[in-house]
Structures are given as C-alpha cells and as structure tokens.
PDB file of N, CA and C in Angstrom:
ATOM      1  N   MET A   1      20.611  -6.271  -6.118  1.00  0.00           N
ATOM      2  CA  MET A   1      21.554  -5.568  -6.318  1.00  0.00           C
ATOM      3  C   MET A   1      21.881  -4.530  -6.601  1.00  0.00           C
ATOM      4  N   LEU A   2      21.200  -4.033  -8.198  1.00  0.00           N
ATOM      5  CA  LEU A   2      20.940  -3.015  -8.300  1.00  0.00           C
ATOM      6  C   LEU A   2      20.299  -1.772  -7.201  1.00  0.00           C
ATOM      7  N   ARG A   3      19.214  -2.107  -6.842  1.00  0.00           N
ATOM      8  CA  ARG A   3      18.527  -1.548  -5.782  1.00  0.00           C
ATOM      9  C   ARG A   3      18.992  -1.485  -4.774  1.00  0.00           C
ATOM     10  N   ARG A   4      20.223  -2.095  -3.900  1.00  0.00           N
ATOM     11  CA  ARG A   4      20.943  -1.484  -2.572  1.00  0.00           C
ATOM     12  C   ARG A   4      22.045  -0.331  -3.213  1.00  0.00           C
ATOM     13  N   ILE A   5      22.419  -0.520  -4.086  1.00  0.00           N
ATOM     14  CA  ILE A   5      23.308   0.923  -4.909  1.00  0.00           C
ATOM     15  C   ILE A   5      22.660   1.577  -5.300  1.00  0.00           C
ATOM     16  N   VAL A   6      21.885   1.969  -5.845  1.00  0.00           N
ATOM     17  CA  VAL A   6      21.229   3.090  -5.664  1.00  0.00           C
ATOM     18  C   VAL A   6      20.378   3.347  -4.428  1.00  0.00           C
ATOM     19  N   ALA A   7      19.942   2.394  -3.378  1.00  0.00           N
ATOM     20  CA  ALA A   7      19.565   3.038  -2.316  1.00  0.00           C
ATOM     21  C   ALA A   7      21.419   4.100  -1.319  1.00  0.00           C
ATOM     22  N   ALA A   8      21.990   3.239  -1.989  1.00  0.00           N
ATOM     23  CA  ALA A   8      23.300   4.017  -0.941  1.00  0.00           C
ATOM     24  C   ALA A   8      23.495   5.186  -2.108  1.00  0.00           C
ATOM     25  N   ILE A   9      23.180   5.061  -2.906  1.00  0.00           N
ATOM     26  CA  ILE A   9      23.980   6.500  -3.896  1.00  0.00           C
ATOM     27  C   ILE A   9      22.616   7.930  -3.479  1.00  0.00           C
ATOM     28  N   ILE A  10      21.771   7.243  -3.153  1.00  0.00           N
ATOM     29  CA  ILE A  10      20.644   8.243  -2.610  1.00  0.00           C
ATOM     30  C   ILE A  10      20.786   8.570  -1.067  1.00  0.00           C
ATOM     31  N   LEU A  11      20.819   7.086  -0.064  1.00  0.00           N
ATOM     32  CA  LEU A  11      20.728   7.653   1.460  1.00  0.00           C
ATOM     33  C   LEU A  11      22.488   7.908   2.080  1.00  0.00           C
ATOM     34  N   VAL A  12      23.243   7.599   1.489  1.00  0.00           N
ATOM     35  CA  VAL A  12      24.596   8.201   2.050  1.00  0.00           C
ATOM     36  C   VAL A  12      24.526   9.702   1.536  1.00  0.00           C
ATOM     37  N   PRO A  13      24.221  10.628   0.307  1.00  0.00           N
ATOM     38  CA  PRO A  13      24.474  12.153   0.281  1.00  0.00           C
ATOM     39  C   PRO A  13      23.325  12.686   1.426  1.00  0.00           C
ATOM     40  N   LEU A  14      22.350  11.706   1.550  1.00  0.00           N
ATOM     41  CA  LEU A  14      21.420  12.357   2.297  1.00  0.00           C
ATOM     42  C   LEU A  14      21.466  12.087   3.864  1.00  0.00           C
ATOM     43  N   VAL A  15      21.908  11.327   3.998  1.00  0.00           N
ATOM     44  CA  VAL A  15      22.601  11.777   5.997  1.00  0.00           C
ATOM     45  C   VAL A  15      23.868  12.406   5.818  1.00  0.00           C
ATOM     46  N   ILE A  16      24.631  12.256   5.512  1.00  0.00           N
ATOM     47  CA  ILE A  16      25.487  13.350   5.344  1.00  0.00           C
ATOM     48  C   ILE A  16      25.007  14.715   5.056  1.00  0.00           C
ATOM     49  N   ILE A  17      24.160  15.098   4.560  1.00  0.00           N
ATOM     50  CA  ILE A  17      23.155  16.383   4.519  1.00  0.00           C
ATOM     51  C   ILE A  17      22.812  16.719   5.731  1.00  0.00           C
ATOM     52  N   ILE A  18      21.935  15.402   6.344  1.00  0.00           N
ATOM     53  CA  ILE A  18      20.985  15.761   8.066  1.00  0.00           C
ATOM     54  C   ILE A  18      22.281  16.268   8.749  1.00  0.00           C
ATOM     55  N   VAL A  19      22.944  15.283   8.875  1.00  0.00           N
ATOM     56  CA  VAL A  19      24.644  15.357   9.671  1.00  0.00           C
ATOM     57  C   VAL A  19      25.017  16.784   9.893  1.00  0.00           C
ATOM     58  N   VAL A  20      25.455  17.612   8.769  1.00  0.00           N
ATOM     59  CA  VAL A  20      25.844  18.674   8.430  1.00  0.00           C
ATOM     60  C   VAL A  20      24.725  19.716   9.044  1.00  0.00           C
ATOM     61  N   PHE A  21      23.631  19.282   8.850  1.00  0.00           N
ATOM     62  CA  PHE A  21      22.625  20.275   9.135  1.00  0.00           C
ATOM     63  C   PHE A  21      22.325  20.626  10.421  1.00  0.00           C
ATOM     64  N   ALA A  22      22.346  19.148  11.033  1.00  0.00           N
ATOM     65  CA  ALA A  22      22.376  19.252  12.685  1.00  0.00           C
ATOM     66  C   ALA A  22      23.697  19.967  13.509  1.00  0.00           C
ATOM     67  N   VAL A  23      24.532  19.531  12.904  1.00  0.00           N
ATOM     68  CA  VAL A  23      26.107  20.425  13.508  1.00  0.00           C
ATOM     69  C   VAL A  23      26.059  21.744  13.411  1.00  0.00           C
ATOM     70  N   ALA A  24      25.470  22.237  12.039  1.00  0.00           N
ATOM     71  CA  ALA A  24      25.306  23.924  11.707  1.00  0.00           C
ATOM     72  C   ALA A  24      24.066  24.393  12.987  1.00  0.00           C
ATOM     73  N   ASN A  25      23.667  23.704  13.393  1.00  0.00           N
ATOM     74  CA  ASN A  25      22.013  24.032  14.176  1.00  0.00           C
ATOM     75  C   ASN A  25      22.150  23.822  15.393  1.00  0.00           C
ATOM     76  N   ARG A  26      23.009  23.768  15.950  1.00  0.00           N
ATOM     77  CA  ARG A  26      22.845  23.398  17.235  1.00  0.00           C
ATOM     78  C   ARG A  26      21.739  24.468  18.409  1.00  0.00           C
ATOM     79  N   GLN A  27      22.306  25.829  18.139  1.00  0.00           N
ATOM     80  CA  GLN A  27      21.713  26.447  19.029  1.00  0.00           C
ATOM     81  C   GLN A  27      19.770  26.406  19.872  1.00  0.00           C
ATOM     82  N   ASN A  28      19.754  26.312  20.881  1.00  0.00           N
ATOM     83  CA  ASN A  28      18.736  26.178  21.550  1.00  0.00           C
ATOM     84  C   ASN A  28      17.457  27.554  20.981  1.00  0.00           C
ATOM     85  N   VAL A  29      16.333  26.811  20.136  1.00  0.00           N
ATOM     86  CA  VAL A  29      15.057  27.552  20.124  1.00  0.00           C
ATOM     87  C   VAL A  29      14.017  27.849  21.330  1.00  0.00           C
ATOM     88  N   THR A  30      13.482  28.322  21.779  1.00  0.00           N
ATOM     89  CA  THR A  30      12.133  28.116  22.599  1.00  0.00           C
ATOM     90  C   THR A  30      10.651  28.505  21.588  1.00  0.00           C
ATOM     91  N   ILE A  31      10.351  26.900  21.651  1.00  0.00           N
ATOM     92  CA  ILE A  31       8.751  26.500  21.305  1.00  0.00           C
ATOM     93  C   ILE A  31       7.389  27.175  22.461  1.00  0.00           C
ATOM     94  N   SER A  32       6.828  28.128  22.094  1.00  0.00           N
ATOM     95  CA  SER A  32       5.586  28.546  22.634  1.00  0.00           C
ATOM     96  C   SER A  32       4.175  28.271  22.356  1.00  0.00           C
ATOM     97  N   PHE A  33       3.595  27.528  23.333  1.00  0.00           N
ATOM     98  CA  PHE A  33       2.138  27.008  23.012  1.00  0.00           C
ATOM     99  C   PHE A  33       1.047  28.334  23.747  1.00  0.00           C
ATOM    100  N   ASP A  34       1.614  29.243  23.997  1.00  0.00           N
ATOM    101  CA  ASP A  34       1.158  30.164  25.281  1.00  0.00           C
ATOM    102  C   ASP A  34       1.255  31.596  24.420  1.00  0.00           C
ATOM    103  N   PRO A  35      -0.157  31.624  23.533  1.00  0.00           N
ATOM    104  CA  PRO A  35      -0.248  33.071  23.171  1.00  0.00           C
ATOM    105  C   PRO A  35      -0.591  34.451  23.641  1.00  0.00           C
ATOM    106  N   PHE A  36      -0.302  34.194  24.898  1.00  0.00           N
ATOM    107  CA  PHE A  36      -0.678  35.124  25.957  1.00  0.00           C
ATOM    108  C   PHE A  36       0.333  35.692  26.685  1.00  0.00           C
ATOM    109  N   GLY A  37       1.410  34.567  26.705  1.00  0.00           N
ATOM    110  CA  GLY A  37       2.276  34.492  27.745  1.00  0.00           C
ATOM    111  C   GLY A  37       3.555  35.594  27.666  1.00  0.00           C
ATOM    112  N   GLY A  38       3.728  36.137  26.922  1.00  0.00           N
ATOM    113  CA  GLY A  38       4.513  36.754  26.595  1.00  0.00           C
ATOM    114  C   GLY A  38       6.248  36.553  26.877  1.00  0.00           C
ATOM    115  N   ASP A  39       6.559  37.096  27.728  1.00  0.00           N
ATOM    116  CA  ASP A  39       7.961  36.755  27.931  1.00  0.00           C
ATOM    117  C   ASP A  39       8.010  35.460  28.720  1.00  0.00           C
ATOM    118  N   THR A  40       7.520  35.200  29.363  1.00  0.00           N
ATOM    119  CA  THR A  40       7.290  33.725  30.224  1.00  0.00           C
ATOM    120  C   THR A  40       6.543  33.180  29.950  1.00  0.00           C
ATOM    121  N   PRO A  41       6.203  32.064  28.998  1.00  0.00           N
ATOM    122  CA  PRO A  41       5.167  31.302  28.253  1.00  0.00           C
ATOM    123  C   PRO A  41       4.826  30.304  29.260  1.00  0.00           C
ATOM    124  N   VAL A  42       3.749  29.970  29.847  1.00  0.00           N
ATOM    125  CA  VAL A  42       3.189  28.630  30.510  1.00  0.00           C
ATOM    126  C   VAL A  42       3.450  27.290  29.708  1.00  0.00           C
ATOM    127  N   ALA A  43       3.476  27.189  28.366  1.00  0.00           N
ATOM    128  CA  ALA A  43       3.538  26.394  27.635  1.00  0.00           C
ATOM    129  C   ALA A  43       4.799  26.541  26.981  1.00  0.00           C
ATOM    130  N   SER A  44       5.921  25.974  27.209  1.00  0.00           N
ATOM    131  CA  SER A  44       6.714  26.055  26.071  1.00  0.00           C
ATOM    132  C   SER A  44       7.569  25.276  26.295  1.00  0.00           C
ATOM    133  N   LEU A  45       8.682  24.864  25.188  1.00  0.00           N
ATOM    134  CA  LEU A  45       9.684  24.184  24.968  1.00  0.00           C
ATOM    135  C   LEU A  45      10.635  24.569  24.613  1.00  0.00           C
ATOM    136  N   SER A  46      12.278  24.206  25.124  1.00  0.00           N
ATOM    137  CA  SER A  46      13.467  24.241  24.143  1.00  0.00           C
ATOM    138  C   SER A  46      14.021  23.388  24.035  1.00  0.00           C
ATOM    139  N   LEU A  47      14.474  23.369  22.720  1.00  0.00           N
ATOM    140  CA  LEU A  47      15.040  22.138  21.732  1.00  0.00           C
ATOM    141  C   LEU A  47      16.165  22.857  20.900  1.00  0.00           C
ATOM    142  N   PRO A  48      16.991  21.986  20.096  1.00  0.00           N
ATOM    143  CA  PRO A  48      17.805  22.605  19.304  1.00  0.00           C
ATOM    144  C   PRO A  48      17.227  22.552  17.841  1.00  0.00           C
ATOM    145  N   LEU A  49      17.229  23.745  17.308  1.00  0.00           N
ATOM    146  CA  LEU A  49      17.145  24.247  15.692  1.00  0.00           C
ATOM    147  C   LEU A  49      16.296  22.747  14.849  1.00  0.00           C
ATOM    148  N   PHE A  50      17.395  21.957  15.050  1.00  0.00           N
ATOM    149  CA  PHE A  50      17.741  20.637  14.375  1.00  0.00           C
ATOM    150  C   PHE A  50      16.769  19.541  14.681  1.00  0.00           C
ATOM    151  N   ALA A  51      16.228  19.569  15.485  1.00  0.00           N
ATOM    152  CA  ALA A  51      15.626  18.767  16.042  1.00  0.00           C
ATOM    153  C   ALA A  51      14.601  19.137  16.042  1.00  0.00           C
ATOM    154  N   LEU A  52      13.969  20.552  16.106  1.00  0.00           N
ATOM    155  CA  LEU A  52      12.302  21.223  15.643  1.00  0.00           C
ATOM    156  C   LEU A  52      12.472  20.713  14.508  1.00  0.00           C
ATOM    157  N   ILE A  53      13.510  21.173  13.425  1.00  0.00           N
ATOM    158  CA  ILE A  53      12.591  20.837  11.872  1.00  0.00           C
ATOM    159  C   ILE A  53      13.080  19.626  11.649  1.00  0.00           C
ATOM    160  N   LEU A  54      13.820  18.879  11.988  1.00  0.00           N
ATOM    161  CA  LEU A  54      13.744  17.465  11.453  1.00  0.00           C
ATOM    162  C   LEU A  54      12.664  16.526  12.145  1.00  0.00           C
ATOM    163  N   GLY A  55      11.882  17.100  13.289  1.00  0.00           N
ATOM    164  CA  GLY A  55      10.476  16.390  13.930  1.00  0.00           C
ATOM    165  C   GLY A  55       9.339  16.970  13.341  1.00  0.00           C
ATOM    166  N   LEU A  56       9.682  18.693  12.702  1.00  0.00           N
ATOM    167  CA  LEU A  56       8.445  18.624  11.974  1.00  0.00           C
ATOM    168  C   LEU A  56       8.300  18.326  10.546  1.00  0.00           C
ATOM    169  N   LEU A  57       9.452  17.812  10.047  1.00  0.00           N
ATOM    170  CA  LEU A  57       9.870  17.187   8.426  1.00  0.00           C
ATOM    171  C   LEU A  57       9.143  15.863   8.963  1.00  0.00           C
ATOM    172  N   ILE A  58       9.573  15.396  10.039  1.00  0.00           N
ATOM    173  CA  ILE A  58       9.086  13.321  10.085  1.00  0.00           C
ATOM    174  C   ILE A  58       7.207  13.733  10.138  1.00  0.00           C
ATOM    175  N   VAL A  59       6.585  14.866  10.926  1.00  0.00           N
ATOM    176  CA  VAL A  59       5.182  15.087  11.301  1.00  0.00           C
ATOM    177  C   VAL A  59       4.618  15.165  10.036  1.00  0.00           C
ATOM    178  N   GLY A  60       5.222  16.004   9.313  1.00  0.00           N
ATOM    179  CA  GLY A  60       4.561  16.265   7.758  1.00  0.00           C
ATOM    180  C   GLY A  60       4.403  15.207   6.879  1.00  0.00           C
ATOM    181  N   VAL A  61       5.461  14.210   6.856  1.00  0.00           N
ATOM    182  CA  VAL A  61       5.708  13.176   5.912  1.00  0.00           C
ATOM    183  C   VAL A  61       4.187  12.143   6.651  1.00  0.00           C
ATOM    184  N   ILE A  62       4.071  12.011   7.563  1.00  0.00           N
ATOM    185  CA  ILE A  62       3.250  11.252   8.672  1.00  0.00           C
ATOM    186  C   ILE A  62       1.689  11.715   8.084  1.00  0.00           C
ATOM    187  N   ILE A  63       1.416  13.041   8.412  1.00  0.00           N
ATOM    188  CA  ILE A  63       0.228  13.271   7.694  1.00  0.00           C
ATOM    189  C   ILE A  63       0.175  13.439   5.872  1.00  0.00           C
ATOM    190  N   GLY A  64       0.951  13.624   5.554  1.00  0.00           N
ATOM    191  CA  GLY A  64       0.733  13.276   4.264  1.00  0.00           C
ATOM    192  C   GLY A  64       0.813  11.965   3.935  1.00  0.00           C
ATOM    193  N   GLY A  65       1.397  11.100   4.556  1.00  0.00           N
ATOM    194  CA  GLY A  65       1.197   9.630   4.066  1.00  0.00           C
ATOM    195  C   GLY A  65      -0.375   9.220   4.691  1.00  0.00           C
ATOM    196  N   VAL A  66      -1.209   9.669   5.640  1.00  0.00           N
ATOM    197  CA  VAL A  66      -2.508   9.073   6.458  1.00  0.00           C
ATOM    198  C   VAL A  66      -3.295   9.833   5.337  1.00  0.00           C
ATOM    199  N   ALA A  67      -2.799  11.396   4.978  1.00  0.00           N
ATOM    200  CA  ALA A  67      -4.097  11.959   4.045  1.00  0.00           C
ATOM    201  C   ALA A  67      -4.394  11.369   2.794  1.00  0.00           C
ATOM    202  N   SER A  68      -2.706  10.523   2.291  1.00  0.00           N
ATOM    203  CA  SER A  68      -3.082   9.673   1.053  1.00  0.00           C
ATOM    204  C   SER A  68      -3.715   8.484   1.148  1.00  0.00           C
ATOM    205  N   TRP A  69      -3.730   7.974   2.216  1.00  0.00           N
ATOM    206  CA  TRP A  69      -3.997   6.609   2.665  1.00  0.00           C
ATOM    207  C   TRP A  69      -5.536   6.941   2.433  1.00  0.00           C
ATOM    208  N   LEU A  70      -6.054   7.576   2.854  1.00  0.00           N
ATOM    209  CA  LEU A  70      -7.304   8.357   3.163  1.00  0.00           C
ATOM    210  C   LEU A  70      -7.783   8.373   1.891  1.00  0.00           C
ATOM    211  N   GLY A  71      -7.015   9.283   1.048  1.00  0.00           N
ATOM    212  CA  GLY A  71      -7.844   9.672   0.022  1.00  0.00           C
ATOM    213  C   GLY A  71      -7.560   8.841  -1.022  1.00  0.00           C
ATOM    214  N   GLN A  72      -7.043   7.388  -0.711  1.00  0.00           N
ATOM    215  CA  GLN A  72      -7.082   6.270  -1.821  1.00  0.00           C
ATOM    216  C   GLN A  72      -8.191   4.952  -1.205  1.00  0.00           C
ATOM    217  N   GLY A  73      -8.520   5.472   0.004  1.00  0.00           N
ATOM    218  CA  GLY A  73      -9.863   4.189   0.320  1.00  0.00           C
ATOM    219  C   GLY A  73     -10.844   3.881  -0.742  1.00  0.00           C
ATOM    220  N   LYS A  74     -11.510   4.511  -1.703  1.00  0.00           N
ATOM    221  CA  LYS A  74     -12.187   4.181  -2.625  1.00  0.00           C
ATOM    222  C   LYS A  74     -11.670   3.458  -3.607  1.00  0.00           C
ATOM    223  N   TRP A  75     -10.048   3.437  -3.615  1.00  0.00           N
ATOM    224  CA  TRP A  75      -9.932   2.029  -4.625  1.00  0.00           C
ATOM    225  C   TRP A  75      -9.624   1.158  -3.769  1.00  0.00           C
ATOM    226  N   ARG A  76      -9.540   0.997  -2.501  1.00  0.00           N
ATOM    227  CA  ARG A  76      -9.212  -0.243  -2.153  1.00  0.00           C
ATOM    228  C   ARG A  76     -10.202  -0.559  -1.443  1.00  0.00           C
ATOM    229  N   GLY A  77     -11.312   0.130  -1.688  1.00  0.00           N
ATOM    230  CA  GLY A  77     -12.287  -0.680  -1.581  1.00  0.00           C
ATOM    231  C   GLY A  77     -13.323  -1.267  -2.925  1.00  0.00           C
ATOM    232  N   ALA A  78     -13.197  -0.378  -3.625  1.00  0.00           N
ATOM    233  CA  ALA A  78     -12.887  -0.768  -5.274  1.00  0.00           C
ATOM    234  C   ALA A  78     -12.527  -2.486  -5.318  1.00  0.00           C
ATOM    235  N   ALA A  79     -10.999  -2.628  -4.504  1.00  0.00           N
ATOM    236  CA  ALA A  79     -10.423  -3.252  -5.128  1.00  0.00           C
ATOM    237  C   ALA A  79     -11.026  -4.571  -4.289  1.00  0.00           C
ATOM    238  N   ARG A  80     -11.443  -4.441  -3.083  1.00  0.00           N
ATOM    239  CA  ARG A  80     -11.991  -5.787  -2.396  1.00  0.00           C
ATOM    240  C   ARG A  80     -13.368  -5.765  -3.025  1.00  0.00           C
ATOM    241  N   ARG A  81     -14.272  -5.269  -3.596  1.00  0.00           N
ATOM    242  CA  ARG A  81     -15.453  -5.580  -3.697  1.00  0.00           C
ATOM    243  C   ARG A  81     -15.333  -6.646  -5.498  1.00  0.00           C
ATOM    244  N   PHE A  82     -14.349  -5.689  -5.903  1.00  0.00           N
ATOM    245  CA  PHE A  82     -13.567  -7.076  -7.141  1.00  0.00           C
ATOM    246  C   PHE A  82     -13.226  -8.338  -7.052  1.00  0.00           C
ATOM    247  N   GLU A  83     -12.365  -8.418  -5.913  1.00  0.00           N
ATOM    248  CA  GLU A  83     -11.759  -9.255  -5.143  1.00  0.00           C
ATOM    249  C   GLU A  83     -12.940 -10.797  -5.291  1.00  0.00           C
ATOM    250  N   ARG A  84     -14.286 -10.287  -4.383  1.00  0.00           N
ATOM    251  CA  ARG A  84     -15.116 -10.976  -3.842  1.00  0.00           C
ATOM    252  C   ARG A  84     -16.126 -11.288  -5.063  1.00  0.00           C
ATOM    253  N   GLU A  85     -16.135 -10.113  -6.041  1.00  0.00           N
ATOM    254  CA  GLU A  85     -16.534 -10.927  -7.233  1.00  0.00           C
ATOM    255  C   GLU A  85     -16.235 -11.847  -8.142  1.00  0.00           C
ATOM    256  N   MET A  86     -14.641 -11.365  -8.172  1.00  0.00           N
ATOM    257  CA  MET A  86     -14.133 -12.729  -8.040  1.00  0.00           C
ATOM    258  C   MET A  86     -14.127 -13.885  -7.803  1.00  0.00           C
ATOM    259  N   GLN A  87     -13.898 -13.853  -6.843  1.00  0.00           N
ATOM    260  CA  GLN A  87     -14.655 -15.511  -6.188  1.00  0.00           C
ATOM    261  C   GLN A  87     -16.119 -15.985  -6.115  1.00  0.00           C
ATOM    262  N   VAL A  88     -16.779 -15.252  -6.575  1.00  0.00           N
ATOM    263  CA  VAL A  88     -18.092 -15.604  -7.108  1.00  0.00           C
ATOM    264  C   VAL A  88     -18.073 -16.062  -7.907  1.00  0.00           C
ATOM    265  N   LEU A  89     -17.369 -15.772  -9.178  1.00  0.00           N
ATOM    266  CA  LEU A  89     -17.076 -16.231 -10.539  1.00  0.00           C
ATOM    267  C   LEU A  89     -16.751 -17.450 -10.387  1.00  0.00           C
ATOM    268  N   ARG A  90     -15.427 -17.146  -9.894  1.00  0.00           N
ATOM    269  CA  ARG A  90     -14.904 -18.647  -9.611  1.00  0.00           C
ATOM    270  C   ARG A  90     -15.489 -19.714  -9.045  1.00  0.00           C
ATOM    271  N   GLY A  91     -16.486 -19.453  -8.478  1.00  0.00           N
ATOM    272  CA  GLY A  91     -16.964 -20.684  -7.730  1.00  0.00           C
ATOM    273  C   GLY A  91     -18.075 -21.288  -8.897  1.00  0.00           C
ATOM    274  N   LYS A  92     -18.628 -20.227  -9.175  1.00  0.00           N
ATOM    275  CA  LYS A  92     -19.280 -20.578 -10.592  1.00  0.00           C
ATOM    276  C   LYS A  92     -19.415 -21.109 -11.731  1.00  0.00           C
ATOM    277  N   LEU A  93     -17.465 -20.664 -11.713  1.00  0.00           N
ATOM    278  CA  LEU A  93     -17.066 -21.572 -13.266  1.00  0.00           C
ATOM    279  C   LEU A  93     -16.389 -22.744 -12.456  1.00  0.00           C
ATOM    280  N   SER A  94     -16.079 -22.885 -11.266  1.00  0.00           N
ATOM    281  CA  SER A  94     -15.670 -24.393 -10.876  1.00  0.00           C
ATOM    282  C   SER A  94     -17.375 -25.349 -10.925  1.00  0.00           C
ATOM    283  N   ALA A  95     -18.441 -24.995 -10.816  1.00  0.00           N
ATOM    284  CA  ALA A  95     -19.522 -25.282 -10.980  1.00  0.00           C
ATOM    285  C   ALA A  95     -20.026 -25.994 -12.384  1.00  0.00           C
ATOM    286  N   TYR A  96     -19.567 -24.868 -13.138  1.00  0.00           N
ATOM    287  CA  TYR A  96     -20.020 -25.424 -14.292  1.00  0.00           C
ATOM    288  C   TYR A  96     -18.697 -26.326 -15.252  1.00  0.00           C
ATOM    289  N   GLU A  97     -17.544 -26.244 -14.536  1.00  0.00           N
ATOM    290  CA  GLU A  97     -16.814 -27.482 -14.864  1.00  0.00           C
ATOM    291  C   GLU A  97     -17.077 -28.752 -14.348  1.00  0.00           C
ATOM    292  N   GLY A  98     -17.775 -28.509 -13.388  1.00  0.00           N
ATOM    293  CA  GLY A  98     -17.590 -30.251 -12.317  1.00  0.00           C
ATOM    294  C   GLY A  98     -19.221 -30.206 -13.075  1.00  0.00           C
ATOM    295  N   MET A  99     -20.539 -29.734 -13.744  1.00  0.00           N
ATOM    296  CA  MET A  99     -21.576 -30.200 -14.921  1.00  0.00           C
ATOM    297  C   MET A  99     -20.787 -30.639 -15.745  1.00  0.00           C
ATOM    298  N   ALA A 100     -19.593 -30.270 -16.663  1.00  0.00           N
ATOM    299  CA  ALA A 100     -19.120 -30.738 -17.671  1.00  0.00           C
ATOM    300  C   ALA A 100     -18.376 -31.913 -17.751  1.00  0.00           C
ATOM    301  N   GLY A 101     -17.967 -32.257 -16.892  1.00  0.00           N
ATOM    302  CA  GLY A 101     -17.188 -33.315 -15.615  1.00  0.00           C
ATOM    303  C   GLY A 101     -18.016 -34.462 -15.927  1.00  0.00           C
ATOM    304  N   ASN A 102     -19.403 -34.475 -16.024  1.00  0.00           N
ATOM    305  CA  ASN A 102     -20.494 -35.423 -15.161  1.00  0.00           C
ATOM    306  C   ASN A 102     -19.886 -36.567 -16.267  1.00  0.00           C
ATOM    307  N   PRO A 103     -20.002 -37.630 -15.579  1.00  0.00           N
ATOM    308  CA  PRO A 103     -20.209 -38.973 -16.695  1.00  0.00           C
ATOM    309  C   PRO A 103     -20.930 -39.213 -17.703  1.00  0.00           C
ATOM    310  N   GLY A 104     -20.201 -39.297 -18.715  1.00  0.00           N
ATOM    311  CA  GLY A 104     -21.610 -39.832 -20.008  1.00  0.00           C
ATOM    312  C   GLY A 104     -21.828 -39.185 -20.748  1.00  0.00           C
ATOM    313  N   SER A 105     -20.916 -37.567 -20.456  1.00  0.00           N
ATOM    314  CA  SER A 105     -21.441 -36.502 -21.400  1.00  0.00           C
ATOM    315  C   SER A 105     -19.599 -36.161 -22.116  1.00  0.00           C
ATOM    316  N   ALA A 106     -19.129 -36.346 -21.160  1.00  0.00           N
ATOM    317  CA  ALA A 106     -17.184 -35.963 -21.987  1.00  0.00           C
ATOM    318  C   ALA A 106     -16.394 -37.522 -21.567  1.00  0.00           C
ATOM    319  N   PRO A 107     -15.999 -37.542 -22.692  1.00  0.00           N
ATOM    320  CA  PRO A 107     -14.853 -38.777 -22.601  1.00  0.00           C
ATOM    321  C   PRO A 107     -14.122 -38.548 -21.771  1.00  0.00           C
ATOM    322  N   ARG A 108     -13.103 -39.742 -20.982  1.00  0.00           N
ATOM    323  CA  ARG A 108     -12.058 -39.040 -20.225  1.00  0.00           C
ATOM    324  C   ARG A 108     -10.861 -39.466 -20.900  1.00  0.00           C
ATOM    325  N   ALA A 109      -9.577 -38.634 -20.515  1.00  0.00           N
ATOM    326  CA  ALA A 109      -8.526 -38.612 -21.649  1.00  0.00           C
ATOM    327  C   ALA A 109      -7.714 -39.558 -21.980  1.00  0.00           C
ATOM    328  N   GLY A 110      -7.568 -40.035 -23.542  1.00  0.00           N
ATOM    329  CA  GLY A 110      -7.622 -41.212 -23.781  1.00  0.00           C
ATOM    330  C   GLY A 110      -8.613 -42.064 -24.405  1.00  0.00           C
ATOM    331  N   GLU A 111      -9.420 -42.110 -24.132  1.00  0.00           N
ATOM    332  CA  GLU A 111     -10.816 -42.698 -24.661  1.00  0.00           C
ATOM    333  C   GLU A 111     -10.887 -42.074 -25.807  1.00  0.00           C
ATOM    334  N   ARG A 112     -11.899 -42.817 -26.444  1.00  0.00           N
ATOM    335  CA  ARG A 112     -12.632 -42.531 -27.580  1.00  0.00           C
ATOM    336  C   ARG A 112     -13.986 -41.987 -27.153  1.00  0.00           C
ATOM    337  N   PRO A 113     -14.786 -40.987 -28.216  1.00  0.00           N
ATOM    338  CA  PRO A 113     -15.924 -40.721 -27.855  1.00  0.00           C
ATOM    339  C   PRO A 113     -16.738 -42.003 -28.261  1.00  0.00           C
ATOM    340  N   ALA A 114     -18.026 -42.047 -27.399  1.00  0.00           N
ATOM    341  CA  ALA A 114     -18.971 -42.567 -27.812  1.00  0.00           C
ATOM    342  C   ALA A 114     -19.643 -42.648 -29.626  1.00  0.00           C
ATOM    343  N   PRO A 115     -19.742 -43.163 -30.490  1.00  0.00           N
ATOM    344  CA  PRO A 115     -20.221 -42.996 -32.110  1.00  0.00           C
ATOM    345  C   PRO A 115     -21.661 -41.904 -31.787  1.00  0.00           C
ATOM    346  N   LEU A 116     -21.737 -41.440 -32.570  1.00  0.00           N
ATOM    347  CA  LEU A 116     -22.876 -40.655 -32.347  1.00  0.00           C
ATOM    348  C   LEU A 116     -23.991 -41.480 -33.434  1.00  0.00           C
ATOM    349  N   ARG A 117     -25.391 -41.570 -32.829  1.00  0.00           N
ATOM    350  CA  ARG A 117     -26.760 -42.233 -33.447  1.00  0.00           C
ATOM    351  C   ARG A 117     -27.471 -41.194 -33.822  1.00  0.00           C
ATOM    352  N   LEU A 118     -27.538 -41.343 -35.001  1.00  0.00           N
ATOM    353  CA  LEU A 118     -28.810 -40.441 -35.530  1.00  0.00           C
ATOM    354  C   LEU A 118     -29.946 -41.595 -35.524  1.00  0.00           C
ATOM    355  N   ARG A 119     -31.368 -40.962 -35.219  1.00  0.00           N
ATOM    356  CA  ARG A 119     -31.896 -41.522 -35.917  1.00  0.00           C
ATOM    357  C   ARG A 119     -32.332 -41.352 -37.719  1.00  0.00           C
ATOM    358  N   PRO A 120     -33.357 -42.397 -37.894  1.00  0.00           N
ATOM    359  CA  PRO A 120     -33.593 -42.345 -39.677  1.00  0.00           C
ATOM    360  C   PRO A 120     -34.470 -40.818 -39.887  1.00  0.00           C
ATOM    361  N   PRO A 121     -34.539 -40.838 -40.824  1.00  0.00           N
ATOM    362  CA  PRO A 121     -35.358 -39.463 -41.182  1.00  0.00           C
ATOM    363  C   PRO A 121     -36.757 -40.453 -41.676  1.00  0.00           C
ATOM    364  N   ALA A 122     -37.756 -39.660 -40.610  1.00  0.00           N
ATOM    365  CA  ALA A 122     -39.418 -40.119 -41.017  1.00  0.00           C
ATOM    366  C   ALA A 122     -40.003 -40.150 -42.277  1.00  0.00           C
TER     367      ALA A 122
END
C-alpha cells in the first residue's frame, strides 16, 4: 500500500510535467542525417520537438540499461558458478547424511542406543 502511494506521489507530478512540456514544445523541427545536404537534405525527418526529446530520453535509458547489464555480467557469472558449487555441496551433504543414516550406525528416533561393549584390558 505504501509503495503505491509513493509511486503515485512520484508519477503524478512526472506525468503533469511531461504533458506541460509536450504542450509547450509542439513546433516541428527537422532532423537531418545528411551532412552534405545543405538546404534540402536527402535523409531528414520532421517531428515535434517534444517527441524528439522524449524519444532521445527513452533511447538514452535503454542504452544505459544495456551498458549496466553488460557491466554486471561478471557478477551474474559468479552467481551462476556459486549456484553450481552449492548444488554440488548439497549433493555431497545428502550423501554424507545417507551414510550416517545406515542401519546399525545410529539409533532411530525413540530407540535407545545399543550398549557400548568394551574389551577387557589385556
């Protein structure tokens, strides 16, 4: 419940700011991908300024996320390696527990252990 309230407190003003920004920046801008085109570029795109800025913001977030994901690859690899080692150790532990549970080596629950028999001194 608290998480939803905090999300609403953050998201509502953010949405209002984005809407106000979009309304204030409706004029079209031309983006040219032709460095030698001059006045009539071959590869150009005309769109509202707010769409350009929001699109670049989204692309930046995606590039940052991918860079962060790639940078954390060594930690994910270490976690996978430790998980495999843990599975091996769990298997060994269950094998040791199975050896300890052999009949005659340990009493069952509720049973008294067999009396200890000592040889007389020689």
